[in-house]
N, C-alpha and C. Protein backbone atom coordinates (compact mmCIF):
# COMPACT_ATOMS: atom_id res chain seq x y z
N UNK A 1 59.54 57.01 85.42
CA UNK A 1 60.91 57.33 85.08
C UNK A 1 61.82 56.38 85.84
N UNK A 2 62.80 55.85 85.13
CA UNK A 2 63.80 54.96 85.73
C UNK A 2 65.18 55.58 85.54
N UNK A 3 66.11 55.16 86.37
CA UNK A 3 67.49 55.63 86.29
C UNK A 3 68.40 54.46 85.98
N UNK A 4 69.36 54.70 85.10
CA UNK A 4 70.33 53.69 84.71
C UNK A 4 71.72 54.31 84.75
N UNK A 5 72.73 53.48 84.96
CA UNK A 5 74.10 53.95 84.91
C UNK A 5 74.65 53.74 83.51
N UNK A 6 75.28 54.76 82.98
CA UNK A 6 75.93 54.69 81.67
C UNK A 6 77.43 54.84 81.92
N UNK A 7 78.18 53.78 81.67
CA UNK A 7 79.61 53.73 81.98
C UNK A 7 80.43 54.23 80.80
N UNK A 8 81.33 55.15 81.06
CA UNK A 8 82.27 55.65 80.06
C UNK A 8 83.70 55.40 80.53
N UNK A 9 84.57 55.03 79.61
CA UNK A 9 86.01 55.10 79.88
C UNK A 9 86.42 56.51 79.48
N UNK A 10 87.60 56.97 79.88
CA UNK A 10 88.02 58.29 79.41
C UNK A 10 88.00 58.41 77.88
N UNK A 11 88.33 57.32 77.20
CA UNK A 11 88.36 57.35 75.73
C UNK A 11 86.96 57.44 75.13
N UNK A 12 86.03 56.64 75.64
CA UNK A 12 84.67 56.69 75.09
C UNK A 12 83.97 57.99 75.50
N UNK A 13 84.31 58.52 76.66
CA UNK A 13 83.74 59.81 77.06
C UNK A 13 84.19 60.91 76.11
N UNK A 14 85.47 60.92 75.77
CA UNK A 14 85.98 61.94 74.84
C UNK A 14 85.34 61.79 73.47
N UNK A 15 85.18 60.55 73.01
CA UNK A 15 84.53 60.32 71.71
C UNK A 15 83.07 60.79 71.76
N UNK A 16 82.38 60.53 72.87
CA UNK A 16 81.00 60.99 73.01
C UNK A 16 80.94 62.51 72.99
N UNK A 17 81.86 63.15 73.69
CA UNK A 17 81.87 64.62 73.73
C UNK A 17 82.17 65.22 72.36
N UNK A 18 82.91 64.50 71.52
CA UNK A 18 83.22 64.97 70.17
C UNK A 18 82.11 64.63 69.16
N UNK A 19 81.13 63.87 69.59
CA UNK A 19 80.02 63.47 68.71
C UNK A 19 78.88 64.49 68.81
N UNK A 20 77.77 64.19 68.14
CA UNK A 20 76.61 65.07 68.25
C UNK A 20 75.80 64.80 69.53
N UNK A 21 76.24 63.84 70.32
CA UNK A 21 75.67 63.51 71.63
C UNK A 21 74.21 63.07 71.57
N UNK A 22 73.81 62.44 70.49
CA UNK A 22 72.43 61.99 70.36
C UNK A 22 72.26 60.49 70.55
N UNK A 23 73.38 59.74 70.63
CA UNK A 23 73.29 58.28 70.72
C UNK A 23 74.25 57.78 71.79
N UNK A 24 73.74 56.89 72.61
CA UNK A 24 74.56 56.14 73.55
C UNK A 24 74.16 54.69 73.38
N UNK A 25 75.04 53.77 73.67
CA UNK A 25 74.73 52.39 73.33
C UNK A 25 74.94 51.38 74.43
N UNK A 26 74.47 50.18 74.14
CA UNK A 26 74.63 49.01 75.00
C UNK A 26 75.38 47.95 74.22
N UNK A 27 76.04 47.08 74.93
CA UNK A 27 76.64 45.91 74.29
C UNK A 27 75.51 44.94 73.92
N UNK A 28 75.77 44.09 72.93
CA UNK A 28 74.76 43.12 72.48
C UNK A 28 74.28 42.25 73.64
N UNK A 29 75.19 41.87 74.52
CA UNK A 29 74.80 41.01 75.65
C UNK A 29 73.87 41.71 76.63
N UNK A 30 73.71 43.03 76.52
CA UNK A 30 72.82 43.80 77.39
C UNK A 30 71.49 44.14 76.72
N UNK A 31 71.16 43.41 75.68
CA UNK A 31 69.95 43.71 74.91
C UNK A 31 68.69 43.71 75.76
N UNK A 32 68.56 42.75 76.67
CA UNK A 32 67.36 42.68 77.49
C UNK A 32 67.24 43.91 78.38
N UNK A 33 68.34 44.45 78.87
CA UNK A 33 68.31 45.69 79.65
C UNK A 33 67.95 46.87 78.77
N UNK A 34 68.54 46.94 77.58
CA UNK A 34 68.26 48.05 76.66
C UNK A 34 66.78 48.11 76.31
N UNK A 35 66.14 46.96 76.20
CA UNK A 35 64.72 46.92 75.84
C UNK A 35 63.81 47.49 76.92
N UNK A 36 64.32 47.64 78.15
CA UNK A 36 63.54 48.21 79.25
C UNK A 36 63.59 49.74 79.26
N UNK A 37 64.55 50.33 78.57
CA UNK A 37 64.74 51.78 78.58
C UNK A 37 63.63 52.45 77.78
N UNK A 38 63.05 53.50 78.37
CA UNK A 38 61.95 54.21 77.72
C UNK A 38 62.23 55.71 77.71
N UNK A 39 61.53 56.42 76.83
CA UNK A 39 61.64 57.88 76.79
C UNK A 39 61.32 58.43 78.18
N UNK A 40 62.11 59.41 78.62
CA UNK A 40 61.94 60.01 79.93
C UNK A 40 62.86 59.43 80.99
N UNK A 41 63.42 58.24 80.73
CA UNK A 41 64.38 57.66 81.67
C UNK A 41 65.66 58.49 81.67
N UNK A 42 66.45 58.32 82.71
CA UNK A 42 67.69 59.10 82.88
C UNK A 42 68.88 58.15 83.00
N UNK A 43 69.93 58.46 82.24
CA UNK A 43 71.22 57.79 82.39
C UNK A 43 72.11 58.66 83.28
N UNK A 44 72.62 58.07 84.35
CA UNK A 44 73.61 58.73 85.19
C UNK A 44 74.97 58.27 84.66
N UNK A 45 75.73 59.19 84.12
CA UNK A 45 76.99 58.86 83.46
C UNK A 45 78.12 58.78 84.47
N UNK A 46 78.89 57.71 84.39
CA UNK A 46 79.99 57.46 85.31
C UNK A 46 81.27 57.22 84.52
N UNK A 47 82.33 57.84 84.95
CA UNK A 47 83.62 57.76 84.27
C UNK A 47 84.56 56.84 85.06
N UNK A 48 84.82 55.65 84.50
CA UNK A 48 85.71 54.70 85.17
C UNK A 48 87.15 55.22 85.11
N UNK A 49 87.98 54.64 85.92
CA UNK A 49 89.40 55.02 86.08
C UNK A 49 89.56 56.38 86.75
N UNK A 50 88.59 57.27 86.61
CA UNK A 50 88.64 58.55 87.32
C UNK A 50 87.62 58.56 88.47
N UNK A 51 86.80 57.52 88.52
CA UNK A 51 85.83 57.31 89.61
C UNK A 51 84.98 58.54 89.91
N UNK A 52 84.29 59.01 88.86
CA UNK A 52 83.41 60.17 89.09
C UNK A 52 82.23 60.16 88.14
N UNK A 53 81.17 60.79 88.59
CA UNK A 53 80.02 60.99 87.72
C UNK A 53 80.36 62.12 86.76
N UNK A 54 79.86 62.02 85.52
CA UNK A 54 80.25 63.02 84.52
C UNK A 54 79.06 63.57 83.75
N UNK A 55 77.83 63.26 84.16
CA UNK A 55 76.69 63.85 83.48
C UNK A 55 75.41 63.07 83.65
N UNK A 56 74.35 63.66 83.15
CA UNK A 56 73.04 63.03 83.10
C UNK A 56 72.54 63.13 81.66
N UNK A 57 71.95 62.06 81.17
CA UNK A 57 71.38 62.05 79.83
C UNK A 57 69.92 61.64 79.94
N UNK A 58 69.03 62.39 79.31
CA UNK A 58 67.63 62.02 79.29
C UNK A 58 67.32 61.26 78.01
N UNK A 59 66.66 60.14 78.13
CA UNK A 59 66.27 59.33 76.97
C UNK A 59 65.09 60.02 76.29
N UNK A 60 65.21 60.25 74.99
CA UNK A 60 64.11 60.89 74.27
C UNK A 60 63.40 59.94 73.31
N UNK A 61 63.97 58.75 73.10
CA UNK A 61 63.34 57.75 72.24
C UNK A 61 63.78 56.38 72.71
N UNK A 62 63.03 55.37 72.38
CA UNK A 62 63.33 54.01 72.80
C UNK A 62 64.53 53.42 72.08
N UNK A 63 64.92 52.22 72.47
CA UNK A 63 66.09 51.58 71.88
C UNK A 63 65.85 51.11 70.44
N UNK A 64 66.92 51.01 69.71
CA UNK A 64 66.90 50.43 68.36
C UNK A 64 68.25 49.76 68.17
N UNK A 65 68.32 48.86 67.21
CA UNK A 65 69.56 48.12 66.96
C UNK A 65 70.27 48.67 65.75
N UNK A 66 71.55 48.95 65.90
CA UNK A 66 72.38 49.49 64.83
C UNK A 66 73.81 49.04 65.08
N UNK A 67 74.46 48.41 64.12
CA UNK A 67 75.81 47.91 64.31
C UNK A 67 76.89 48.85 63.80
N UNK A 68 76.52 50.07 63.44
CA UNK A 68 77.50 51.05 63.00
C UNK A 68 78.42 51.43 64.14
N UNK A 69 79.75 51.31 63.97
CA UNK A 69 80.66 51.71 65.05
C UNK A 69 80.59 53.23 65.28
N UNK A 70 80.42 53.64 66.52
CA UNK A 70 80.34 55.06 66.84
C UNK A 70 81.56 55.54 67.61
N UNK A 71 81.98 54.77 68.58
CA UNK A 71 83.06 55.22 69.44
C UNK A 71 84.23 54.26 69.31
């Protein structure tokens, strides 16, 4: 199991909370990092501008590429 930081702005955090909460993403330039994420890994969620942790997310499936805008 590995731990990663998942950064949210207040706006993306609110959009995530209004979603079904099944998908979190990486920027295209972070593809090599995304490819290391495996089921069972944990994202420690951090909220910028408010400087606080805001949750933990457990990865249940590996990465995939999708260009559909979510947030």
